[in-house]
Amino acid sequence: MPRGPDELRALVEDYLDELELTPALGALAEPMRHALGGKRVRPVLCLASGEAVGADVESILPAAAAVELVHSFSLVHDDLPALDDDVERRGRPSVWAAHGEATAILAGDALLAEALRLALSYPGPEVARELVSATLAMIGGQQLDLTEGWKDLETLHGLKTGALFSASVLCGLWAAELPEAQHPPWRAFAAELGLLFQIVDDILDGDGYVREFGPEESRRLADGAGERARRRLAALDADTAALSEIVAGLVARTS
């Protein structure tokens, strides 16, 4: 029987706790682990997607962890004084505030490299290729945000947020060896899920969509993305119970 999101989250936590970082990183291991907090939405999504198409969830764990390490790398660098200048992350000092800017830069670099090491543990290059594509989109989106070169929020967040949500789903499918011809409806689902996550995030922060459209319209947009995500799931020939629970949780998210 497929596991629910809470069970999958516990598997991710155990895997990350036991993950052996490359010994050559030495003292960087502490700030890297400092960065690994959060709700694990993306790796749980990766595991749920792989399991939905019949894969053994343990075989998807390296891909799921790789997705989470990329997410953590992006936050470590985003918090730096040169970008968002955030001294706090998840109720405690950000990595640069706790360990210094230079160490934070190196810790972020190392998280990305460790993610690629995990992605390349699969026989083929597909998981790594998907993850690299998403990482490049995230970086491009961050640069667009810095230069205000974006034309609309959906384009910007499709790069900054949506790309890694898509990779979370697709890395699970690649690791499960689902044929590529069956991927398009999954990508469509992931796109709606990424949009849902970002709009709800903006509603909670009073930022982004809320500033541009106001709270009521933003809520309407979030509900629309959630409904489209549910319809996409319903059309898939897979056991999507855990994914449906993830969608419901994002729609109802309050923190």
C-alpha atoms as a PDB file:
ATOM      1  CA  MET A   1       0.000   0.000   0.000  1.00  0.00           C
ATOM      2  CA  PRO A   2       1.400   3.449  -0.918  1.00  0.00           C
ATOM      3  CA  ARG A   3       2.571   5.554   2.006  1.00  0.00           C
ATOM      4  CA  GLY A   4       1.039   8.868   3.003  1.00  0.00           C
ATOM      5  CA  PRO A   5       2.961  12.172   3.046  1.00  0.00           C
ATOM      6  CA  ASP A   6       3.853  11.891   6.747  1.00  0.00           C
ATOM      7  CA  GLU A   7       5.376   8.448   6.278  1.00  0.00           C
ATOM      8  CA  LEU A   8       7.295   9.638   3.228  1.00  0.00           C
ATOM      9  CA  ARG A   9       8.537  12.679   5.156  1.00  0.00           C
ATOM     10  CA  ALA A  10       9.859  10.406   7.906  1.00  0.00           C
ATOM     11  CA  LEU A  11      11.758   8.370   5.310  1.00  0.00           C
ATOM     12  CA  VAL A  12      13.323  11.551   3.926  1.00  0.00           C
ATOM     13  CA  GLU A  13      14.348  12.723   7.399  1.00  0.00           C
ATOM     14  CA  ASP A  14      15.989   9.393   8.188  1.00  0.00           C
ATOM     15  CA  TYR A  15      17.792   9.318   4.848  1.00  0.00           C
ATOM     16  CA  LEU A  16      19.133  12.858   5.239  1.00  0.00           C
ATOM     17  CA  ASP A  17      20.188  12.197   8.837  1.00  0.00           C
ATOM     18  CA  GLU A  18      22.185   9.176   7.721  1.00  0.00           C
ATOM     19  CA  LEU A  19      23.521  10.705   4.500  1.00  0.00           C
ATOM     20  CA  GLU A  20      27.312  10.548   4.424  1.00  0.00           C
ATOM     21  CA  LEU A  21      28.711  13.762   3.005  1.00  0.00           C
ATOM     22  CA  THR A  22      31.928  13.654   1.010  1.00  0.00           C
ATOM     23  CA  PRO A  23      34.771  13.473   3.587  1.00  0.00           C
ATOM     24  CA  ALA A  24      36.860  16.068   1.720  1.00  0.00           C
ATOM     25  CA  LEU A  25      34.300  18.726   2.705  1.00  0.00           C
ATOM     26  CA  GLY A  26      35.549  18.540   6.280  1.00  0.00           C
ATOM     27  CA  ALA A  27      34.234  21.375   8.452  1.00  0.00           C
ATOM     28  CA  LEU A  28      31.685  22.368   5.790  1.00  0.00           C
ATOM     29  CA  ALA A  29      29.519  19.439   6.911  1.00  0.00           C
ATOM     30  CA  GLU A  30      28.188  21.424   9.895  1.00  0.00           C
ATOM     31  CA  PRO A  31      26.911  24.480   7.943  1.00  0.00           C
ATOM     32  CA  MET A  32      25.551  22.166   5.243  1.00  0.00           C
ATOM     33  CA  ARG A  33      23.480  20.264   7.785  1.00  0.00           C
ATOM     34  CA  HIS A  34      22.473  23.588   9.344  1.00  0.00           C
ATOM     35  CA  ALA A  35      20.850  24.380   5.979  1.00  0.00           C
ATOM     36  CA  LEU A  36      18.779  21.181   5.846  1.00  0.00           C
ATOM     37  CA  GLY A  37      15.566  22.289   7.565  1.00  0.00           C
ATOM     38  CA  GLY A  38      12.050  22.821   6.292  1.00  0.00           C
ATOM     39  CA  LYS A  39       8.890  20.871   5.586  1.00  0.00           C
ATOM     40  CA  ARG A  40      10.398  18.540   2.907  1.00  0.00           C
ATOM     41  CA  VAL A  41       7.598  19.307   0.439  1.00  0.00           C
ATOM     42  CA  ARG A  42       9.776  18.688  -2.620  1.00  0.00           C
ATOM     43  CA  PRO A  43      11.401  15.372  -1.640  1.00  0.00           C
ATOM     44  CA  VAL A  44       8.044  14.032  -0.410  1.00  0.00           C
ATOM     45  CA  LEU A  45       6.567  15.000  -3.772  1.00  0.00           C
ATOM     46  CA  CYS A  46       9.413  13.128  -5.484  1.00  0.00           C
ATOM     47  CA  LEU A  47       8.837   9.978  -3.439  1.00  0.00           C
ATOM     48  CA  ALA A  48       5.058  10.122  -3.877  1.00  0.00           C
ATOM     49  CA  SER A  49       5.416  10.474  -7.646  1.00  0.00           C
ATOM     50  CA  GLY A  50       7.793   7.543  -7.948  1.00  0.00           C
ATOM     51  CA  GLU A  51       5.683   5.358  -5.706  1.00  0.00           C
ATOM     52  CA  ALA A  52       2.512   6.326  -7.590  1.00  0.00           C
ATOM     53  CA  VAL A  53       3.860   4.636 -10.724  1.00  0.00           C
ATOM     54  CA  GLY A  54       4.839   1.482  -8.865  1.00  0.00           C
ATOM     55  CA  ALA A  55       8.469   2.026  -7.851  1.00  0.00           C
ATOM     56  CA  ASP A  56       9.956   0.832  -4.587  1.00  0.00           C
ATOM     57  CA  VAL A  57      10.177   4.049  -2.576  1.00  0.00           C
ATOM     58  CA  GLU A  58      13.670   3.244  -1.248  1.00  0.00           C
ATOM     59  CA  SER A  59      14.974   3.375  -4.818  1.00  0.00           C
ATOM     60  CA  ILE A  60      13.667   6.940  -5.160  1.00  0.00           C
ATOM     61  CA  LEU A  61      15.296   8.258  -1.967  1.00  0.00           C
ATOM     62  CA  PRO A  62      18.592   9.406  -3.574  1.00  0.00           C
ATOM     63  CA  ALA A  63      16.631  11.444  -6.141  1.00  0.00           C
ATOM     64  CA  ALA A  64      14.400  12.906  -3.424  1.00  0.00           C
ATOM     65  CA  ALA A  65      17.399  13.871  -1.307  1.00  0.00           C
ATOM     66  CA  ALA A  66      19.081  15.424  -4.338  1.00  0.00           C
ATOM     67  CA  VAL A  67      16.040  17.633  -4.908  1.00  0.00           C
ATOM     68  CA  GLU A  68      16.106  18.744  -1.264  1.00  0.00           C
ATOM     69  CA  LEU A  69      19.830  19.528  -1.393  1.00  0.00           C
ATOM     70  CA  VAL A  70      19.301  21.725  -4.457  1.00  0.00           C
ATOM     71  CA  HIS A  71      16.466  23.522  -2.666  1.00  0.00           C
ATOM     72  CA  SER A  72      18.697  24.036   0.382  1.00  0.00           C
ATOM     73  CA  PHE A  73      21.575  25.310  -1.780  1.00  0.00           C
ATOM     74  CA  SER A  74      19.274  27.912  -3.301  1.00  0.00           C
ATOM     75  CA  LEU A  75      18.120  29.156   0.104  1.00  0.00           C
ATOM     76  CA  VAL A  76      21.658  29.377   1.494  1.00  0.00           C
ATOM     77  CA  HIS A  77      22.702  31.586  -1.416  1.00  0.00           C
ATOM     78  CA  ASP A  78      19.440  33.584  -1.487  1.00  0.00           C
ATOM     79  CA  ASP A  79      19.940  34.555   2.161  1.00  0.00           C
ATOM     80  CA  LEU A  80      23.378  36.083   1.506  1.00  0.00           C
ATOM     81  CA  PRO A  81      23.833  39.863   1.973  1.00  0.00           C
ATOM     82  CA  ALA A  82      24.416  40.290  -1.766  1.00  0.00           C
ATOM     83  CA  LEU A  83      20.934  38.899  -2.488  1.00  0.00           C
ATOM     84  CA  ASP A  84      18.139  38.941   0.124  1.00  0.00           C
ATOM     85  CA  ASP A  85      20.340  39.770   3.139  1.00  0.00           C
ATOM     86  CA  ASP A  86      18.310  37.566   5.493  1.00  0.00           C
ATOM     87  CA  VAL A  87      19.845  36.907   8.897  1.00  0.00           C
ATOM     88  CA  GLU A  88      17.172  34.383   9.870  1.00  0.00           C
ATOM     89  CA  ARG A  89      15.787  31.275   8.230  1.00  0.00           C
ATOM     90  CA  ARG A  90      13.093  29.087   9.803  1.00  0.00           C
ATOM     91  CA  GLY A  91      13.377  30.775  13.177  1.00  0.00           C
ATOM     92  CA  ARG A  92      17.146  30.498  13.551  1.00  0.00           C
ATOM     93  CA  PRO A  93      20.198  32.236  12.074  1.00  0.00           C
ATOM     94  CA  SER A  94      20.674  31.752   8.349  1.00  0.00           C
ATOM     95  CA  VAL A  95      23.823  29.901   7.347  1.00  0.00           C
ATOM     96  CA  TRP A  96      25.813  33.040   6.560  1.00  0.00           C
ATOM     97  CA  ALA A  97      24.718  34.712   9.808  1.00  0.00           C
ATOM     98  CA  ALA A  98      25.800  31.661  11.793  1.00  0.00           C
ATOM     99  CA  HIS A  99      28.967  30.691   9.915  1.00  0.00           C
ATOM    100  CA  GLY A 100      30.035  33.700   7.850  1.00  0.00           C
ATOM    101  CA  GLU A 101      29.518  34.668   4.226  1.00  0.00           C
ATOM    102  CA  ALA A 102      32.467  32.804   2.739  1.00  0.00           C
ATOM    103  CA  THR A 103      31.532  29.550   4.447  1.00  0.00           C
ATOM    104  CA  ALA A 104      27.899  29.968   3.383  1.00  0.00           C
ATOM    105  CA  ILE A 105      28.928  30.379  -0.260  1.00  0.00           C
ATOM    106  CA  LEU A 106      31.048  27.229  -0.072  1.00  0.00           C
ATOM    107  CA  ALA A 107      28.354  25.310   1.823  1.00  0.00           C
ATOM    108  CA  GLY A 108      25.815  26.189  -0.869  1.00  0.00           C
ATOM    109  CA  ASP A 109      28.231  25.104  -3.583  1.00  0.00           C
ATOM    110  CA  ALA A 110      28.853  21.830  -1.754  1.00  0.00           C
ATOM    111  CA  LEU A 111      25.117  21.151  -1.325  1.00  0.00           C
ATOM    112  CA  LEU A 112      24.638  21.498  -5.071  1.00  0.00           C
ATOM    113  CA  ALA A 113      27.585  19.218  -5.818  1.00  0.00           C
ATOM    114  CA  GLU A 114      26.354  16.596  -3.341  1.00  0.00           C
ATOM    115  CA  ALA A 115      22.931  16.763  -4.998  1.00  0.00           C
ATOM    116  CA  LEU A 116      24.490  15.990  -8.359  1.00  0.00           C
ATOM    117  CA  ARG A 117      26.502  13.148  -6.832  1.00  0.00           C
ATOM    118  CA  LEU A 118      23.268  11.570  -5.603  1.00  0.00           C
ATOM    119  CA  ALA A 119      21.469  12.184  -8.907  1.00  0.00           C
ATOM    120  CA  LEU A 120      24.323  10.510 -10.780  1.00  0.00           C
ATOM    121  CA  SER A 121      24.052   7.377  -8.624  1.00  0.00           C
ATOM    122  CA  TYR A 122      21.355   6.107 -11.031  1.00  0.00           C
ATOM    123  CA  PRO A 123      22.344   4.036 -14.075  1.00  0.00           C
ATOM    124  CA  GLY A 124      21.260   6.692 -16.579  1.00  0.00           C
ATOM    125  CA  PRO A 125      21.757  10.473 -16.669  1.00  0.00           C
ATOM    126  CA  GLU A 126      18.073  11.397 -16.651  1.00  0.00           C
ATOM    127  CA  VAL A 127      17.663  12.310 -12.958  1.00  0.00           C
ATOM    128  CA  ALA A 128      20.782  14.468 -13.024  1.00  0.00           C
ATOM    129  CA  ARG A 129      19.774  16.088 -16.306  1.00  0.00           C
ATOM    130  CA  GLU A 130      16.342  16.997 -14.916  1.00  0.00           C
ATOM    131  CA  LEU A 131      17.892  18.444 -11.784  1.00  0.00           C
ATOM    132  CA  VAL A 132      20.484  20.471 -13.681  1.00  0.00           C
ATOM    133  CA  SER A 133      17.798  21.913 -15.947  1.00  0.00           C
ATOM    134  CA  ALA A 134      15.738  22.986 -12.940  1.00  0.00           C
ATOM    135  CA  THR A 135      18.774  24.486 -11.196  1.00  0.00           C
ATOM    136  CA  LEU A 136      19.653  26.564 -14.243  1.00  0.00           C
ATOM    137  CA  ALA A 137      16.042  27.792 -14.460  1.00  0.00           C
ATOM    138  CA  MET A 138      16.132  28.772 -10.772  1.00  0.00           C
ATOM    139  CA  ILE A 139      19.355  30.695 -11.233  1.00  0.00           C
ATOM    140  CA  GLY A 140      18.011  32.413 -14.337  1.00  0.00           C
ATOM    141  CA  GLY A 141      14.851  33.343 -12.468  1.00  0.00           C
ATOM    142  CA  GLN A 142      16.855  34.821  -9.601  1.00  0.00           C
ATOM    143  CA  GLN A 143      18.830  36.979 -12.024  1.00  0.00           C
ATOM    144  CA  LEU A 144      15.596  38.126 -13.681  1.00  0.00           C
ATOM    145  CA  ASP A 145      14.282  39.101 -10.264  1.00  0.00           C
ATOM    146  CA  LEU A 146      17.431  41.078  -9.477  1.00  0.00           C
ATOM    147  CA  THR A 147      17.264  43.017 -12.738  1.00  0.00           C
ATOM    148  CA  GLU A 148      13.447  43.255 -12.799  1.00  0.00           C
ATOM    149  CA  GLY A 149      13.645  41.789 -16.295  1.00  0.00           C
ATOM    150  CA  TRP A 150      10.476  39.730 -15.871  1.00  0.00           C
ATOM    151  CA  LYS A 151       7.185  40.643 -17.507  1.00  0.00           C
ATOM    152  CA  ASP A 152       4.752  38.800 -15.242  1.00  0.00           C
ATOM    153  CA  LEU A 153       4.783  36.930 -11.948  1.00  0.00           C
ATOM    154  CA  GLU A 154       3.840  33.605 -13.504  1.00  0.00           C
ATOM    155  CA  THR A 155       6.927  33.677 -15.731  1.00  0.00           C
ATOM    156  CA  LEU A 156       9.196  34.679 -12.852  1.00  0.00           C
ATOM    157  CA  HIS A 157       7.891  32.113 -10.399  1.00  0.00           C
ATOM    158  CA  GLY A 158       7.762  29.436 -13.072  1.00  0.00           C
ATOM    159  CA  LEU A 159      11.546  29.728 -13.083  1.00  0.00           C
ATOM    160  CA  LYS A 160      12.268  30.450  -9.417  1.00  0.00           C
ATOM    161  CA  THR A 161       9.749  28.023  -7.890  1.00  0.00           C
ATOM    162  CA  GLY A 162       8.001  25.994 -10.571  1.00  0.00           C
ATOM    163  CA  ALA A 163      11.136  24.514 -12.121  1.00  0.00           C
ATOM    164  CA  LEU A 164      12.152  22.676  -8.960  1.00  0.00           C
ATOM    165  CA  PHE A 165       8.574  21.522  -8.326  1.00  0.00           C
ATOM    166  CA  SER A 166       8.557  20.028 -11.821  1.00  0.00           C
ATOM    167  CA  ALA A 167      11.928  18.420 -11.147  1.00  0.00           C
ATOM    168  CA  SER A 168      10.605  16.997  -7.877  1.00  0.00           C
ATOM    169  CA  VAL A 169       7.905  15.106  -9.774  1.00  0.00           C
ATOM    170  CA  LEU A 170       9.985  14.217 -12.810  1.00  0.00           C
ATOM    171  CA  CYS A 171      13.048  13.053 -10.886  1.00  0.00           C
ATOM    172  CA  GLY A 172      10.736  10.611  -9.116  1.00  0.00           C
ATOM    173  CA  LEU A 173       9.449   9.352 -12.454  1.00  0.00           C
ATOM    174  CA  TRP A 174      12.921   9.089 -14.005  1.00  0.00           C
ATOM    175  CA  ALA A 175      14.163   7.188 -10.941  1.00  0.00           C
ATOM    176  CA  ALA A 176      11.122   4.900 -11.285  1.00  0.00           C
ATOM    177  CA  GLU A 177      12.062   4.357 -14.957  1.00  0.00           C
ATOM    178  CA  LEU A 178       8.694   5.538 -16.249  1.00  0.00           C
ATOM    179  CA  PRO A 179       8.970   5.901 -20.057  1.00  0.00           C
ATOM    180  CA  GLU A 180       9.397   9.496 -21.184  1.00  0.00           C
ATOM    181  CA  ALA A 181       6.357   9.260 -23.464  1.00  0.00           C
ATOM    182  CA  GLN A 182       4.212   9.101 -20.316  1.00  0.00           C
ATOM    183  CA  HIS A 183       5.708  12.221 -18.715  1.00  0.00           C
ATOM    184  CA  PRO A 184       3.728  15.120 -20.281  1.00  0.00           C
ATOM    185  CA  PRO A 185       0.584  14.871 -18.106  1.00  0.00           C
ATOM    186  CA  TRP A 186       2.826  14.659 -15.043  1.00  0.00           C
ATOM    187  CA  ARG A 187       4.655  17.814 -16.095  1.00  0.00           C
ATOM    188  CA  ALA A 188       1.309  19.561 -16.489  1.00  0.00           C
ATOM    189  CA  PHE A 189       0.357  18.510 -12.958  1.00  0.00           C
ATOM    190  CA  ALA A 190       3.694  19.688 -11.569  1.00  0.00           C
ATOM    191  CA  ALA A 191       3.301  23.094 -13.214  1.00  0.00           C
ATOM    192  CA  GLU A 192      -0.054  23.638 -11.509  1.00  0.00           C
ATOM    193  CA  LEU A 193       1.353  22.448  -8.192  1.00  0.00           C
ATOM    194  CA  GLY A 194       4.287  24.850  -8.381  1.00  0.00           C
ATOM    195  CA  LEU A 195       1.943  27.738  -9.146  1.00  0.00           C
ATOM    196  CA  LEU A 196      -0.315  26.747  -6.247  1.00  0.00           C
ATOM    197  CA  PHE A 197       2.604  26.626  -3.831  1.00  0.00           C
ATOM    198  CA  GLN A 198       3.910  30.039  -4.866  1.00  0.00           C
ATOM    199  CA  ILE A 199       0.564  31.832  -4.701  1.00  0.00           C
ATOM    200  CA  VAL A 200      -0.197  30.396  -1.257  1.00  0.00           C
ATOM    201  CA  ASP A 201       3.323  31.343  -0.144  1.00  0.00           C
ATOM    202  CA  ASP A 202       2.686  34.908  -1.306  1.00  0.00           C
ATOM    203  CA  ILE A 203      -0.675  34.981   0.487  1.00  0.00           C
ATOM    204  CA  LEU A 204       1.021  33.972   3.733  1.00  0.00           C
ATOM    205  CA  ASP A 205       3.852  36.493   3.266  1.00  0.00           C
ATOM    206  CA  GLY A 206       1.707  39.321   1.845  1.00  0.00           C
ATOM    207  CA  ASP A 207       4.087  39.467  -1.102  1.00  0.00           C
ATOM    208  CA  GLY A 208       4.216  38.778  -4.848  1.00  0.00           C
ATOM    209  CA  TYR A 209       0.733  37.880  -6.029  1.00  0.00           C
ATOM    210  CA  VAL A 210      -0.881  39.662  -3.078  1.00  0.00           C
ATOM    211  CA  ARG A 211       0.892  42.911  -3.907  1.00  0.00           C
ATOM    212  CA  GLU A 212      -0.081  42.684  -7.562  1.00  0.00           C
ATOM    213  CA  PHE A 213      -3.601  41.247  -7.338  1.00  0.00           C
ATOM    214  CA  GLY A 214      -4.714  41.684  -3.725  1.00  0.00           C
ATOM    215  CA  PRO A 215      -5.565  38.956  -1.198  1.00  0.00           C
ATOM    216  CA  GLU A 216      -9.000  37.990  -2.531  1.00  0.00           C
ATOM    217  CA  GLU A 217      -7.916  37.593  -6.149  1.00  0.00           C
ATOM    218  CA  SER A 218      -4.777  35.768  -5.036  1.00  0.00           C
ATOM    219  CA  ARG A 219      -6.908  33.315  -3.076  1.00  0.00           C
ATOM    220  CA  ARG A 220      -9.074  32.783  -6.164  1.00  0.00           C
ATOM    221  CA  LEU A 221      -5.963  32.130  -8.261  1.00  0.00           C
ATOM    222  CA  ALA A 222      -4.644  29.653  -5.684  1.00  0.00           C
ATOM    223  CA  ASP A 223      -7.955  27.790  -5.545  1.00  0.00           C
ATOM    224  CA  GLY A 224      -7.990  27.642  -9.349  1.00  0.00           C
ATOM    225  CA  ALA A 225      -4.475  26.191  -9.476  1.00  0.00           C
ATOM    226  CA  GLY A 226      -5.437  23.656  -6.805  1.00  0.00           C
ATOM    227  CA  GLU A 227      -8.514  22.577  -8.714  1.00  0.00           C
ATOM    228  CA  ARG A 228      -6.560  22.200 -11.959  1.00  0.00           C
ATOM    229  CA  ALA A 229      -3.906  20.167 -10.119  1.00  0.00           C
ATOM    230  CA  ARG A 230      -6.619  17.849  -8.774  1.00  0.00           C
ATOM    231  CA  ARG A 231      -8.068  17.399 -12.258  1.00  0.00           C
ATOM    232  CA  ARG A 232      -4.622  16.617 -13.656  1.00  0.00           C
ATOM    233  CA  LEU A 233      -4.149  13.970 -10.978  1.00  0.00           C
ATOM    234  CA  ALA A 234      -7.551  12.425 -11.601  1.00  0.00           C
ATOM    235  CA  ALA A 235      -6.640  11.904 -15.256  1.00  0.00           C
ATOM    236  CA  LEU A 236      -3.441   9.982 -14.452  1.00  0.00           C
ATOM    237  CA  ASP A 237      -3.360   6.187 -14.599  1.00  0.00           C
ATOM    238  CA  ALA A 238      -1.622   5.865 -11.239  1.00  0.00           C
ATOM    239  CA  ASP A 239      -2.308   5.590  -7.514  1.00  0.00           C
ATOM    240  CA  THR A 240      -2.225   9.306  -6.699  1.00  0.00           C
ATOM    241  CA  ALA A 241      -3.751   9.228  -3.192  1.00  0.00           C
ATOM    242  CA  ALA A 242      -0.610  10.625  -1.532  1.00  0.00           C
ATOM    243  CA  LEU A 243      -0.256  13.304  -4.209  1.00  0.00           C
ATOM    244  CA  SER A 244      -3.894  14.305  -3.733  1.00  0.00           C
ATOM    245  CA  GLU A 245      -3.194  14.682  -0.023  1.00  0.00           C
ATOM    246  CA  ILE A 246      -0.205  16.907  -0.818  1.00  0.00           C
ATOM    247  CA  VAL A 247      -2.372  19.130  -3.044  1.00  0.00           C
ATOM    248  CA  ALA A 248      -5.034  19.400  -0.351  1.00  0.00           C
ATOM    249  CA  GLY A 249      -2.379  20.304   2.208  1.00  0.00           C
ATOM    250  CA  LEU A 250      -0.986  23.082   0.027  1.00  0.00           C
ATOM    251  CA  VAL A 251      -4.452  24.521  -0.649  1.00  0.00           C
ATOM    252  CA  ALA A 252      -5.192  24.605   3.080  1.00  0.00           C
ATOM    253  CA  ARG A 253      -1.679  25.714   4.129  1.00  0.00           C
ATOM    254  CA  THR A 254      -1.573  28.344   6.870  1.00  0.00           C
ATOM    255  CA  SER A 255       2.149  28.499   7.707  1.00  0.00           C
END
